[in-house]
Amino acid sequence: DRDLVKGYAATLAAADRLTGVPLKKVKRRQADVLKKLTPKQKKA
C-alpha cells in the first residue's frame, strides 16, 4: 500500500516535469496506479 502511494506521488512528480512521449507513458502508468488506490491513498 505504501509503495502504491509513493508510486502515485512519483508519477505526479514526473508528469510535472515531462513532455511528449515520456509524459504519455507516465500518464498511462498513473492511470494504472489510480485504479488500485483508495481515495485515502490518493490523497496521501
ModelCIF file with pLDDT and N, C-alpha, C, O atoms, coordinates in Angstrom:
data_MODEL
#
_entry.id   MODEL 
#
_entity.id                         1 
_entity.type                       polymer 
_entity.pdbx_number_of_molecules   1 
#
_entity_poly.entity_id                      1 
_entity_poly.type                           'polypeptide(L)' 
_entity_poly.nstd_linkage                   no 
_entity_poly.nstd_monomer                   no 
_entity_poly.pdbx_seq_one_letter_code       DRDLVKGYAATLAAADRLTGVPLKKVKRRQADVLKKLTPKQKKA 
_entity_poly.pdbx_seq_one_letter_code_can   DRDLVKGYAATLAAADRLTGVPLKKVKRRQADVLKKLTPKQKKA 
_entity_poly.pdbx_strand_id                 A 
#
loop_
_entity_poly_seq.entity_id 
_entity_poly_seq.num 
_entity_poly_seq.mon_id 
_entity_poly_seq.hetero 
1 1  ASP n 
1 2  ARG n 
1 3  ASP n 
1 4  LEU n 
1 5  VAL n 
1 6  LYS n 
1 7  GLY n 
1 8  TYR n 
1 9  ALA n 
1 10 ALA n 
1 11 THR n 
1 12 LEU n 
1 13 ALA n 
1 14 ALA n 
1 15 ALA n 
1 16 ASP n 
1 17 ARG n 
1 18 LEU n 
1 19 THR n 
1 20 GLY n 
1 21 VAL n 
1 22 PRO n 
1 23 LEU n 
1 24 LYS n 
1 25 LYS n 
1 26 VAL n 
1 27 LYS n 
1 28 ARG n 
1 29 ARG n 
1 30 GLN n 
1 31 ALA n 
1 32 ASP n 
1 33 VAL n 
1 34 LEU n 
1 35 LYS n 
1 36 LYS n 
1 37 LEU n 
1 38 THR n 
1 39 PRO n 
1 40 LYS n 
1 41 GLN n 
1 42 LYS n 
1 43 LYS n 
1 44 ALA n 
#
_struct_asym.id          A 
_struct_asym.entity_id   1 
#
loop_
_ma_qa_metric.id 
_ma_qa_metric.mode 
_ma_qa_metric.name 
_ma_qa_metric.software_group_id 
_ma_qa_metric.type 
1 global pLDDT . pLDDT 
2 local  pLDDT . pLDDT 
#
_ma_qa_metric_global.metric_id      1 
_ma_qa_metric_global.metric_value   94.20 
_ma_qa_metric_global.model_id       1 
_ma_qa_metric_global.ordinal_id     1 
#
loop_
_ma_qa_metric_local.label_asym_id 
_ma_qa_metric_local.label_comp_id 
_ma_qa_metric_local.label_seq_id 
_ma_qa_metric_local.metric_id 
_ma_qa_metric_local.metric_value 
_ma_qa_metric_local.model_id 
_ma_qa_metric_local.ordinal_id 
A ASP 1  2 90.00 1 1  
A ARG 2  2 91.00 1 2  
A ASP 3  2 93.00 1 3  
A LEU 4  2 93.00 1 4  
A VAL 5  2 96.00 1 5  
A LYS 6  2 94.00 1 6  
A GLY 7  2 93.00 1 7  
A TYR 8  2 95.00 1 8  
A ALA 9  2 96.00 1 9  
A ALA 10 2 94.00 1 10 
A THR 11 2 95.00 1 11 
A LEU 12 2 95.00 1 12 
A ALA 13 2 94.00 1 13 
A ALA 14 2 94.00 1 14 
A ALA 15 2 93.00 1 15 
A ASP 16 2 91.00 1 16 
A ARG 17 2 90.00 1 17 
A LEU 18 2 93.00 1 18 
A THR 19 2 92.00 1 19 
A GLY 20 2 93.00 1 20 
A VAL 21 2 92.00 1 21 
A PRO 22 2 93.00 1 22 
A LEU 23 2 94.00 1 23 
A LYS 24 2 94.00 1 24 
A LYS 25 2 94.00 1 25 
A VAL 26 2 95.00 1 26 
A LYS 27 2 95.00 1 27 
A ARG 28 2 95.00 1 28 
A ARG 29 2 93.00 1 29 
A GLN 30 2 95.00 1 30 
A ALA 31 2 95.00 1 31 
A ASP 32 2 94.00 1 32 
A VAL 33 2 94.00 1 33 
A LEU 34 2 95.00 1 34 
A LYS 35 2 95.00 1 35 
A LYS 36 2 94.00 1 36 
A LEU 37 2 96.00 1 37 
A THR 38 2 96.00 1 38 
A PRO 39 2 97.00 1 39 
A LYS 40 2 96.00 1 40 
A GLN 41 2 97.00 1 41 
A LYS 42 2 97.00 1 42 
A LYS 43 2 97.00 1 43 
A ALA 44 2 97.00 1 44 
#
loop_
_atom_site.group_PDB 
_atom_site.id 
_atom_site.type_symbol 
_atom_site.label_atom_id 
_atom_site.label_alt_id 
_atom_site.label_comp_id 
_atom_site.label_asym_id 
_atom_site.label_entity_id 
_atom_site.label_seq_id 
_atom_site.pdbx_PDB_ins_code 
_atom_site.Cartn_x 
_atom_site.Cartn_y 
_atom_site.Cartn_z 
_atom_site.occupancy 
_atom_site.B_iso_or_equiv 
_atom_site.pdbx_formal_charge 
_atom_site.auth_seq_id 
_atom_site.auth_comp_id 
_atom_site.auth_asym_id 
_atom_site.auth_atom_id 
_atom_site.pdbx_PDB_model_num 
ATOM 1   N N  . ASP A 1 1  ? 0.832  -1.204 0.000   1.00 90.00 ? 1  ASP A N  1 
ATOM 2   C CA . ASP A 1 1  ? 0.000  0.000  0.000   1.00 90.00 ? 1  ASP A CA 1 
ATOM 3   C C  . ASP A 1 1  ? 0.866  1.254  0.000   1.00 90.00 ? 1  ASP A C  1 
ATOM 4   O O  . ASP A 1 1  ? 0.598  2.208  -0.731  1.00 90.00 ? 1  ASP A O  1 
ATOM 5   N N  . ARG A 1 2  ? 1.910  1.242  0.831   1.00 91.00 ? 2  ARG A N  1 
ATOM 6   C CA . ARG A 1 2  ? 2.820  2.390  0.914   1.00 91.00 ? 2  ARG A CA 1 
ATOM 7   C C  . ARG A 1 2  ? 3.548  2.581  -0.427  1.00 91.00 ? 2  ARG A C  1 
ATOM 8   O O  . ARG A 1 2  ? 3.738  3.708  -0.883  1.00 91.00 ? 2  ARG A O  1 
ATOM 9   N N  . ASP A 1 3  ? 3.950  1.468  -1.047  1.00 93.00 ? 3  ASP A N  1 
ATOM 10  C CA . ASP A 1 3  ? 4.628  1.552  -2.339  1.00 93.00 ? 3  ASP A CA 1 
ATOM 11  C C  . ASP A 1 3  ? 3.705  2.139  -3.410  1.00 93.00 ? 3  ASP A C  1 
ATOM 12  O O  . ASP A 1 3  ? 4.153  2.917  -4.253  1.00 93.00 ? 3  ASP A O  1 
ATOM 13  N N  . LEU A 1 4  ? 2.423  1.771  -3.382  1.00 93.00 ? 4  LEU A N  1 
ATOM 14  C CA . LEU A 1 4  ? 1.465  2.338  -4.338  1.00 93.00 ? 4  LEU A CA 1 
ATOM 15  C C  . LEU A 1 4  ? 1.334  3.841  -4.156  1.00 93.00 ? 4  LEU A C  1 
ATOM 16  O O  . LEU A 1 4  ? 1.302  4.591  -5.132  1.00 93.00 ? 4  LEU A O  1 
ATOM 17  N N  . VAL A 1 5  ? 1.259  4.275  -2.912  1.00 96.00 ? 5  VAL A N  1 
ATOM 18  C CA . VAL A 1 5  ? 1.134  5.714  -2.621  1.00 96.00 ? 5  VAL A CA 1 
ATOM 19  C C  . VAL A 1 5  ? 2.375  6.448  -3.121  1.00 96.00 ? 5  VAL A C  1 
ATOM 20  O O  . VAL A 1 5  ? 2.266  7.495  -3.760  1.00 96.00 ? 5  VAL A O  1 
ATOM 21  N N  . LYS A 1 6  ? 3.549  5.901  -2.831  1.00 94.00 ? 6  LYS A N  1 
ATOM 22  C CA . LYS A 1 6  ? 4.789  6.525  -3.288  1.00 94.00 ? 6  LYS A CA 1 
ATOM 23  C C  . LYS A 1 6  ? 4.888  6.496  -4.817  1.00 94.00 ? 6  LYS A C  1 
ATOM 24  O O  . LYS A 1 6  ? 5.352  7.455  -5.434  1.00 94.00 ? 6  LYS A O  1 
ATOM 25  N N  . GLY A 1 7  ? 4.452  5.397  -5.412  1.00 93.00 ? 7  GLY A N  1 
ATOM 26  C CA . GLY A 1 7  ? 4.459  5.302  -6.873  1.00 93.00 ? 7  GLY A CA 1 
ATOM 27  C C  . GLY A 1 7  ? 3.567  6.352  -7.502  1.00 93.00 ? 7  GLY A C  1 
ATOM 28  O O  . GLY A 1 7  ? 3.929  6.963  -8.507  1.00 93.00 ? 7  GLY A O  1 
ATOM 29  N N  . TYR A 1 8  ? 2.398  6.562  -6.910  1.00 95.00 ? 8  TYR A N  1 
ATOM 30  C CA . TYR A 1 8  ? 1.483  7.589  -7.426  1.00 95.00 ? 8  TYR A CA 1 
ATOM 31  C C  . TYR A 1 8  ? 2.117  8.970  -7.282  1.00 95.00 ? 8  TYR A C  1 
ATOM 32  O O  . TYR A 1 8  ? 2.059  9.775  -8.211  1.00 95.00 ? 8  TYR A O  1 
ATOM 33  N N  . ALA A 1 9  ? 2.722  9.252  -6.126  1.00 96.00 ? 9  ALA A N  1 
ATOM 34  C CA . ALA A 1 9  ? 3.379  10.543 -5.928  1.00 96.00 ? 9  ALA A CA 1 
ATOM 35  C C  . ALA A 1 9  ? 4.516  10.728 -6.935  1.00 96.00 ? 9  ALA A C  1 
ATOM 36  O O  . ALA A 1 9  ? 4.721  11.830 -7.443  1.00 96.00 ? 9  ALA A O  1 
ATOM 37  N N  . ALA A 1 10 ? 5.251  9.656  -7.221  1.00 94.00 ? 10 ALA A N  1 
ATOM 38  C CA . ALA A 1 10 ? 6.344  9.745  -8.199  1.00 94.00 ? 10 ALA A CA 1 
ATOM 39  C C  . ALA A 1 10 ? 5.804  10.032 -9.599  1.00 94.00 ? 10 ALA A C  1 
ATOM 40  O O  . ALA A 1 10 ? 6.428  10.768 -10.363 1.00 94.00 ? 10 ALA A O  1 
ATOM 41  N N  . THR A 1 11 ? 4.645  9.456  -9.943  1.00 95.00 ? 11 THR A N  1 
ATOM 42  C CA . THR A 1 11 ? 4.076  9.751  -11.269 1.00 95.00 ? 11 THR A CA 1 
ATOM 43  C C  . THR A 1 11 ? 3.619  11.200 -11.340 1.00 95.00 ? 11 THR A C  1 
ATOM 44  O O  . THR A 1 11 ? 3.723  11.829 -12.394 1.00 95.00 ? 11 THR A O  1 
ATOM 45  N N  . LEU A 1 12 ? 3.116  11.739 -10.237 1.00 95.00 ? 12 LEU A N  1 
ATOM 46  C CA . LEU A 1 12 ? 2.728  13.156 -10.221 1.00 95.00 ? 12 LEU A CA 1 
ATOM 47  C C  . LEU A 1 12 ? 3.953  14.044 -10.432 1.00 95.00 ? 12 LEU A C  1 
ATOM 48  O O  . LEU A 1 12 ? 3.907  15.017 -11.183 1.00 95.00 ? 12 LEU A O  1 
ATOM 49  N N  . ALA A 1 13 ? 5.049  13.693 -9.756  1.00 94.00 ? 13 ALA A N  1 
ATOM 50  C CA . ALA A 1 13 ? 6.279  14.471 -9.893  1.00 94.00 ? 13 ALA A CA 1 
ATOM 51  C C  . ALA A 1 13 ? 6.833  14.380 -11.313 1.00 94.00 ? 13 ALA A C  1 
ATOM 52  O O  . ALA A 1 13 ? 7.256  15.388 -11.880 1.00 94.00 ? 13 ALA A O  1 
ATOM 53  N N  . ALA A 1 14 ? 6.833  13.185 -11.885 1.00 94.00 ? 14 ALA A N  1 
ATOM 54  C CA . ALA A 1 14 ? 7.346  13.006 -13.249 1.00 94.00 ? 14 ALA A CA 1 
ATOM 55  C C  . ALA A 1 14 ? 6.473  13.753 -14.251 1.00 94.00 ? 14 ALA A C  1 
ATOM 56  O O  . ALA A 1 14 ? 6.987  14.410 -15.155 1.00 94.00 ? 14 ALA A O  1 
ATOM 57  N N  . ALA A 1 15 ? 5.170  13.655 -14.096 1.00 93.00 ? 15 ALA A N  1 
ATOM 58  C CA . ALA A 1 15 ? 4.249  14.326 -15.020 1.00 93.00 ? 15 ALA A CA 1 
ATOM 59  C C  . ALA A 1 15 ? 4.424  15.837 -14.956 1.00 93.00 ? 15 ALA A C  1 
ATOM 60  O O  . ALA A 1 15 ? 4.172  16.541 -15.934 1.00 93.00 ? 15 ALA A O  1 
ATOM 61  N N  . ASP A 1 16 ? 4.853  16.325 -13.809 1.00 91.00 ? 16 ASP A N  1 
ATOM 62  C CA . ASP A 1 16 ? 5.065  17.761 -13.623 1.00 91.00 ? 16 ASP A CA 1 
ATOM 63  C C  . ASP A 1 16 ? 6.281  18.257 -14.405 1.00 91.00 ? 16 ASP A C  1 
ATOM 64  O O  . ASP A 1 16 ? 6.389  19.448 -14.695 1.00 91.00 ? 16 ASP A O  1 
ATOM 65  N N  . ARG A 1 17 ? 7.204  17.338 -14.748 1.00 90.00 ? 17 ARG A N  1 
ATOM 66  C CA . ARG A 1 17 ? 8.452  17.731 -15.405 1.00 90.00 ? 17 ARG A CA 1 
ATOM 67  C C  . ARG A 1 17 ? 8.576  17.277 -16.851 1.00 90.00 ? 17 ARG A C  1 
ATOM 68  O O  . ARG A 1 17 ? 9.408  17.812 -17.584 1.00 90.00 ? 17 ARG A O  1 
ATOM 69  N N  . LEU A 1 18 ? 7.783  16.312 -17.283 1.00 93.00 ? 18 LEU A N  1 
ATOM 70  C CA . LEU A 1 18 ? 7.974  15.703 -18.600 1.00 93.00 ? 18 LEU A CA 1 
ATOM 71  C C  . LEU A 1 18 ? 7.037  16.272 -19.657 1.00 93.00 ? 18 LEU A C  1 
ATOM 72  O O  . LEU A 1 18 ? 6.039  16.924 -19.351 1.00 93.00 ? 18 LEU A O  1 
ATOM 73  N N  . THR A 1 19 ? 7.391  16.004 -20.911 1.00 92.00 ? 19 THR A N  1 
ATOM 74  C CA . THR A 1 19 ? 6.542  16.364 -22.051 1.00 92.00 ? 19 THR A CA 1 
ATOM 75  C C  . THR A 1 19 ? 6.618  15.234 -23.074 1.00 92.00 ? 19 THR A C  1 
ATOM 76  O O  . THR A 1 19 ? 7.439  14.326 -22.946 1.00 92.00 ? 19 THR A O  1 
ATOM 77  N N  . GLY A 1 20 ? 5.774  15.294 -24.069 1.00 93.00 ? 20 GLY A N  1 
ATOM 78  C CA . GLY A 1 20 ? 5.833  14.359 -25.186 1.00 93.00 ? 20 GLY A CA 1 
ATOM 79  C C  . GLY A 1 20 ? 5.576  12.915 -24.815 1.00 93.00 ? 20 GLY A C  1 
ATOM 80  O O  . GLY A 1 20 ? 4.753  12.617 -23.949 1.00 93.00 ? 20 GLY A O  1 
ATOM 81  N N  . VAL A 1 21 ? 6.296  12.014 -25.487 1.00 92.00 ? 21 VAL A N  1 
ATOM 82  C CA . VAL A 1 21 ? 6.118  10.573 -25.302 1.00 92.00 ? 21 VAL A CA 1 
ATOM 83  C C  . VAL A 1 21 ? 6.374  10.144 -23.855 1.00 92.00 ? 21 VAL A C  1 
ATOM 84  O O  . VAL A 1 21 ? 5.585  9.372  -23.310 1.00 92.00 ? 21 VAL A O  1 
ATOM 85  N N  . PRO A 1 22 ? 7.449  10.617 -23.213 1.00 93.00 ? 22 PRO A N  1 
ATOM 86  C CA . PRO A 1 22 ? 7.640  10.212 -21.816 1.00 93.00 ? 22 PRO A CA 1 
ATOM 87  C C  . PRO A 1 22 ? 6.448  10.597 -20.923 1.00 93.00 ? 22 PRO A C  1 
ATOM 88  O O  . PRO A 1 22 ? 6.073  9.837  -20.031 1.00 93.00 ? 22 PRO A O  1 
ATOM 89  N N  . LEU A 1 23 ? 5.865  11.753 -21.159 1.00 94.00 ? 23 LEU A N  1 
ATOM 90  C CA . LEU A 1 23 ? 4.704  12.182 -20.380 1.00 94.00 ? 23 LEU A CA 1 
ATOM 91  C C  . LEU A 1 23 ? 3.528  11.240 -20.618 1.00 94.00 ? 23 LEU A C  1 
ATOM 92  O O  . LEU A 1 23 ? 2.813  10.889 -19.680 1.00 94.00 ? 23 LEU A O  1 
ATOM 93  N N  . LYS A 1 24 ? 3.328  10.835 -21.855 1.00 94.00 ? 24 LYS A N  1 
ATOM 94  C CA . LYS A 1 24 ? 2.231  9.909  -22.170 1.00 94.00 ? 24 LYS A CA 1 
ATOM 95  C C  . LYS A 1 24 ? 2.417  8.582  -21.435 1.00 94.00 ? 24 LYS A C  1 
ATOM 96  O O  . LYS A 1 24 ? 1.453  8.007  -20.929 1.00 94.00 ? 24 LYS A O  1 
ATOM 97  N N  . LYS A 1 25 ? 3.661  8.098  -21.380 1.00 94.00 ? 25 LYS A N  1 
ATOM 98  C CA . LYS A 1 25 ? 3.942  6.841  -20.679 1.00 94.00 ? 25 LYS A CA 1 
ATOM 99  C C  . LYS A 1 25 ? 3.668  6.986  -19.188 1.00 94.00 ? 25 LYS A C  1 
ATOM 100 O O  . LYS A 1 25 ? 3.092  6.091  -18.569 1.00 94.00 ? 25 LYS A O  1 
ATOM 101 N N  . VAL A 1 26 ? 4.077  8.105  -18.614 1.00 95.00 ? 26 VAL A N  1 
ATOM 102 C CA . VAL A 1 26 ? 3.837  8.350  -17.191 1.00 95.00 ? 26 VAL A CA 1 
ATOM 103 C C  . VAL A 1 26 ? 2.341  8.435  -16.917 1.00 95.00 ? 26 VAL A C  1 
ATOM 104 O O  . VAL A 1 26 ? 1.859  7.893  -15.923 1.00 95.00 ? 26 VAL A O  1 
ATOM 105 N N  . LYS A 1 27 ? 1.611  9.109  -17.789 1.00 95.00 ? 27 LYS A N  1 
ATOM 106 C CA . LYS A 1 27 ? 0.154  9.244  -17.610 1.00 95.00 ? 27 LYS A CA 1 
ATOM 107 C C  . LYS A 1 27 ? -0.527 7.869  -17.662 1.00 95.00 ? 27 LYS A C  1 
ATOM 108 O O  . LYS A 1 27 ? -1.470 7.622  -16.911 1.00 95.00 ? 27 LYS A O  1 
ATOM 109 N N  . ARG A 1 28 ? -0.060 6.980  -18.537 1.00 95.00 ? 28 ARG A N  1 
ATOM 110 C CA . ARG A 1 28 ? -0.631 5.622  -18.590 1.00 95.00 ? 28 ARG A CA 1 
ATOM 111 C C  . ARG A 1 28 ? -0.347 4.874  -17.298 1.00 95.00 ? 28 ARG A C  1 
ATOM 112 O O  . ARG A 1 28 ? -1.226 4.210  -16.748 1.00 95.00 ? 28 ARG A O  1 
ATOM 113 N N  . ARG A 1 29 ? 0.874  4.984  -16.821 1.00 93.00 ? 29 ARG A N  1 
ATOM 114 C CA . ARG A 1 29 ? 1.236  4.325  -15.555 1.00 93.00 ? 29 ARG A CA 1 
ATOM 115 C C  . ARG A 1 29 ? 0.424  4.914  -14.405 1.00 93.00 ? 29 ARG A C  1 
ATOM 116 O O  . ARG A 1 29 ? -0.042 4.192  -13.523 1.00 93.00 ? 29 ARG A O  1 
ATOM 117 N N  . GLN A 1 30 ? 0.264  6.220  -14.430 1.00 95.00 ? 30 GLN A N  1 
ATOM 118 C CA . GLN A 1 30 ? -0.514 6.894  -13.392 1.00 95.00 ? 30 GLN A CA 1 
ATOM 119 C C  . GLN A 1 30 ? -1.961 6.387  -13.385 1.00 95.00 ? 30 GLN A C  1 
ATOM 120 O O  . GLN A 1 30 ? -2.541 6.177  -12.320 1.00 95.00 ? 30 GLN A O  1 
ATOM 121 N N  . ALA A 1 31 ? -2.530 6.196  -14.551 1.00 95.00 ? 31 ALA A N  1 
ATOM 122 C CA . ALA A 1 31 ? -3.899 5.686  -14.654 1.00 95.00 ? 31 ALA A CA 1 
ATOM 123 C C  . ALA A 1 31 ? -3.990 4.270  -14.083 1.00 95.00 ? 31 ALA A C  1 
ATOM 124 O O  . ALA A 1 31 ? -4.966 3.932  -13.414 1.00 95.00 ? 31 ALA A O  1 
ATOM 125 N N  . ASP A 1 32 ? -2.970 3.440  -14.346 1.00 94.00 ? 32 ASP A N  1 
ATOM 126 C CA . ASP A 1 32 ? -2.939 2.080  -13.794 1.00 94.00 ? 32 ASP A CA 1 
ATOM 127 C C  . ASP A 1 32 ? -2.893 2.110  -12.266 1.00 94.00 ? 32 ASP A C  1 
ATOM 128 O O  . ASP A 1 32 ? -3.603 1.355  -11.602 1.00 94.00 ? 32 ASP A O  1 
ATOM 129 N N  . VAL A 1 33 ? -2.063 2.976  -11.725 1.00 94.00 ? 33 VAL A N  1 
ATOM 130 C CA . VAL A 1 33 ? -1.914 3.072  -10.274 1.00 94.00 ? 33 VAL A CA 1 
ATOM 131 C C  . VAL A 1 33 ? -3.206 3.606  -9.645  1.00 94.00 ? 33 VAL A C  1 
ATOM 132 O O  . VAL A 1 33 ? -3.636 3.124  -8.598  1.00 94.00 ? 33 VAL A O  1 
ATOM 133 N N  . LEU A 1 34 ? -3.810 4.588  -10.281 1.00 95.00 ? 34 LEU A N  1 
ATOM 134 C CA . LEU A 1 34 ? -5.045 5.184  -9.743  1.00 95.00 ? 34 LEU A CA 1 
ATOM 135 C C  . LEU A 1 34 ? -6.162 4.157  -9.579  1.00 95.00 ? 34 LEU A C  1 
ATOM 136 O O  . LEU A 1 34 ? -6.966 4.253  -8.652  1.00 95.00 ? 34 LEU A O  1 
ATOM 137 N N  . LYS A 1 35 ? -6.211 3.189  -10.465 1.00 95.00 ? 35 LYS A N  1 
ATOM 138 C CA . LYS A 1 35 ? -7.242 2.148  -10.376 1.00 95.00 ? 35 LYS A CA 1 
ATOM 139 C C  . LYS A 1 35 ? -7.104 1.326  -9.101  1.00 95.00 ? 35 LYS A C  1 
ATOM 140 O O  . LYS A 1 35 ? -8.086 0.768  -8.611  1.00 95.00 ? 35 LYS A O  1 
ATOM 141 N N  . LYS A 1 36 ? -5.893 1.251  -8.565  1.00 94.00 ? 36 LYS A N  1 
ATOM 142 C CA . LYS A 1 36 ? -5.624 0.427  -7.389  1.00 94.00 ? 36 LYS A CA 1 
ATOM 143 C C  . LYS A 1 36 ? -5.717 1.201  -6.075  1.00 94.00 ? 36 LYS A C  1 
ATOM 144 O O  . LYS A 1 36 ? -5.751 0.599  -5.002  1.00 94.00 ? 36 LYS A O  1 
ATOM 145 N N  . LEU A 1 37 ? -5.759 2.531  -6.153  1.00 96.00 ? 37 LEU A N  1 
ATOM 146 C CA . LEU A 1 37 ? -5.737 3.361  -4.954  1.00 96.00 ? 37 LEU A CA 1 
ATOM 147 C C  . LEU A 1 37 ? -7.128 3.614  -4.389  1.00 96.00 ? 37 LEU A C  1 
ATOM 148 O O  . LEU A 1 37 ? -8.102 3.762  -5.128  1.00 96.00 ? 37 LEU A O  1 
ATOM 149 N N  . THR A 1 38 ? -7.196 3.660  -3.071  1.00 96.00 ? 38 THR A N  1 
ATOM 150 C CA . THR A 1 38 ? -8.412 4.125  -2.412  1.00 96.00 ? 38 THR A CA 1 
ATOM 151 C C  . THR A 1 38 ? -8.365 5.663  -2.408  1.00 96.00 ? 38 THR A C  1 
ATOM 152 O O  . THR A 1 38 ? -7.297 6.239  -2.617  1.00 96.00 ? 38 THR A O  1 
ATOM 153 N N  . PRO A 1 39 ? -9.484 6.323  -2.179  1.00 97.00 ? 39 PRO A N  1 
ATOM 154 C CA . PRO A 1 39 ? -9.445 7.790  -2.093  1.00 97.00 ? 39 PRO A CA 1 
ATOM 155 C C  . PRO A 1 39 ? -8.452 8.292  -1.036  1.00 97.00 ? 39 PRO A C  1 
ATOM 156 O O  . PRO A 1 39 ? -7.787 9.309  -1.234  1.00 97.00 ? 39 PRO A O  1 
ATOM 157 N N  . LYS A 1 40 ? -8.362 7.578  0.074   1.00 96.00 ? 40 LYS A N  1 
ATOM 158 C CA . LYS A 1 40 ? -7.429 7.960  1.144   1.00 96.00 ? 40 LYS A CA 1 
ATOM 159 C C  . LYS A 1 40 ? -5.977 7.843  0.667   1.00 96.00 ? 40 LYS A C  1 
ATOM 160 O O  . LYS A 1 40 ? -5.154 8.710  0.959   1.00 96.00 ? 40 LYS A O  1 
ATOM 161 N N  . GLN A 1 41 ? -5.669 6.779  -0.060  1.00 97.00 ? 41 GLN A N  1 
ATOM 162 C CA . GLN A 1 41 ? -4.317 6.595  -0.581  1.00 97.00 ? 41 GLN A CA 1 
ATOM 163 C C  . GLN A 1 41 ? -3.994 7.656  -1.633  1.00 97.00 ? 41 GLN A C  1 
ATOM 164 O O  . GLN A 1 41 ? -2.875 8.166  -1.688  1.00 97.00 ? 41 GLN A O  1 
ATOM 165 N N  . LYS A 1 42 ? -4.977 7.982  -2.462  1.00 97.00 ? 42 LYS A N  1 
ATOM 166 C CA . LYS A 1 42 ? -4.774 9.017  -3.483  1.00 97.00 ? 42 LYS A CA 1 
ATOM 167 C C  . LYS A 1 42 ? -4.433 10.341 -2.807  1.00 97.00 ? 42 LYS A C  1 
ATOM 168 O O  . LYS A 1 42 ? -3.519 11.046 -3.236  1.00 97.00 ? 42 LYS A O  1 
ATOM 169 N N  . LYS A 1 43 ? -5.160 10.672 -1.766  1.00 97.00 ? 43 LYS A N  1 
ATOM 170 C CA . LYS A 1 43 ? -4.906 11.918 -1.036  1.00 97.00 ? 43 LYS A CA 1 
ATOM 171 C C  . LYS A 1 43 ? -3.513 11.896 -0.404  1.00 97.00 ? 43 LYS A C  1 
ATOM 172 O O  . LYS A 1 43 ? -2.814 12.910 -0.403  1.00 97.00 ? 43 LYS A O  1 
ATOM 173 N N  . ALA A 1 44 ? -3.110 10.738 0.134   1.00 97.00 ? 44 ALA A N  1 
ATOM 174 C CA . ALA A 1 44 ? -1.776 10.604 0.736   1.00 97.00 ? 44 ALA A CA 1 
ATOM 175 C C  . ALA A 1 44 ? -0.690 10.802 -0.325  1.00 97.00 ? 44 ALA A C  1 
ATOM 176 O O  . ALA A 1 44 ? 0.499  10.727 -0.013  1.00 97.00 ? 44 ALA A O  1 
#
